[in-house]
Amino acid sequence: MADDRITMPSSQGGLVRYYNEYKSKLQIKPVHVVALVIAVIFLELLLRIL
């Protein structure tokens, strides 16, 4: 007699938490990124005027 049961794989199988394995030493705050973008836009406008 054949076994008619179907087994499903585990729902947690193969998941890896990469954020726990690697932490960058260089941390950039979102405020610094926005300030850099505004500075680049201002510099671009200044160069177009001159």
C-alpha atoms as a PDB file:
ATOM      1  CA  MET A   1       0.000   0.000   0.000  1.00  0.00           C
ATOM      2  CA  ALA A   2       1.354   3.448  -0.927  1.00  0.00           C
ATOM      3  CA  ASP A   3       1.759   6.257   1.560  1.00  0.00           C
ATOM      4  CA  ASP A   4      -0.567   9.119   0.407  1.00  0.00           C
ATOM      5  CA  ARG A   5       0.679  11.755   2.854  1.00  0.00           C
ATOM      6  CA  ILE A   6       2.196  14.921   1.434  1.00  0.00           C
ATOM      7  CA  THR A   7       4.728  16.713   3.603  1.00  0.00           C
ATOM      8  CA  MET A   8       5.361  20.420   3.161  1.00  0.00           C
ATOM      9  CA  PRO A   9       8.748  22.039   3.809  1.00  0.00           C
ATOM     10  CA  SER A  10       9.278  24.008   6.993  1.00  0.00           C
ATOM     11  CA  SER A  11       8.273  27.661   6.753  1.00  0.00           C
ATOM     12  CA  GLN A  12      11.539  28.841   8.344  1.00  0.00           C
ATOM     13  CA  GLY A  13      13.875  26.737   6.230  1.00  0.00           C
ATOM     14  CA  GLY A  14      16.641  28.617   4.448  1.00  0.00           C
ATOM     15  CA  LEU A  15      15.959  32.049   5.916  1.00  0.00           C
ATOM     16  CA  VAL A  16      19.076  34.009   6.798  1.00  0.00           C
ATOM     17  CA  ARG A  17      19.159  37.230   8.783  1.00  0.00           C
ATOM     18  CA  TYR A  18      21.896  39.200   7.053  1.00  0.00           C
ATOM     19  CA  TYR A  19      21.443  42.297   9.220  1.00  0.00           C
ATOM     20  CA  ASN A  20      22.642  40.330  12.238  1.00  0.00           C
ATOM     21  CA  GLU A  21      25.765  39.122  10.463  1.00  0.00           C
ATOM     22  CA  TYR A  22      27.114  42.415   9.105  1.00  0.00           C
ATOM     23  CA  LYS A  23      27.119  45.864  10.648  1.00  0.00           C
ATOM     24  CA  SER A  24      28.743  48.673   8.678  1.00  0.00           C
ATOM     25  CA  LYS A  25      31.213  50.883  10.488  1.00  0.00           C
ATOM     26  CA  LEU A  26      30.118  53.829   8.331  1.00  0.00           C
ATOM     27  CA  GLN A  27      26.697  55.052   9.436  1.00  0.00           C
ATOM     28  CA  ILE A  28      25.085  57.905   7.462  1.00  0.00           C
ATOM     29  CA  LYS A  29      22.072  59.641   8.932  1.00  0.00           C
ATOM     30  CA  PRO A  30      19.199  60.595   6.593  1.00  0.00           C
ATOM     31  CA  VAL A  31      19.595  64.244   7.618  1.00  0.00           C
ATOM     32  CA  HIS A  32      23.139  64.246   6.243  1.00  0.00           C
ATOM     33  CA  VAL A  33      22.002  62.760   2.933  1.00  0.00           C
ATOM     34  CA  VAL A  34      19.286  65.410   2.527  1.00  0.00           C
ATOM     35  CA  ALA A  35      21.762  68.170   3.403  1.00  0.00           C
ATOM     36  CA  LEU A  36      24.235  66.840   0.838  1.00  0.00           C
ATOM     37  CA  VAL A  37      21.551  66.751  -1.872  1.00  0.00           C
ATOM     38  CA  ILE A  38      20.508  70.345  -1.086  1.00  0.00           C
ATOM     39  CA  ALA A  39      24.159  71.438  -1.181  1.00  0.00           C
ATOM     40  CA  VAL A  40      24.667  69.802  -4.591  1.00  0.00           C
ATOM     41  CA  ILE A  41      21.507  71.461  -5.958  1.00  0.00           C
ATOM     42  CA  PHE A  42      22.643  74.835  -4.621  1.00  0.00           C
ATOM     43  CA  LEU A  43      26.102  74.364  -6.155  1.00  0.00           C
ATOM     44  CA  GLU A  44      24.555  73.405  -9.503  1.00  0.00           C
ATOM     45  CA  LEU A  45      22.341  76.505  -9.495  1.00  0.00           C
ATOM     46  CA  LEU A  46      25.290  78.690  -8.546  1.00  0.00           C
ATOM     47  CA  LEU A  47      27.409  77.317 -11.382  1.00  0.00           C
ATOM     48  CA  ARG A  48      24.595  77.864 -13.920  1.00  0.00           C
ATOM     49  CA  ILE A  49      24.208  81.507 -12.851  1.00  0.00           C
ATOM     50  CA  LEU A  50      27.939  82.242 -13.102  1.00  0.00           C
END
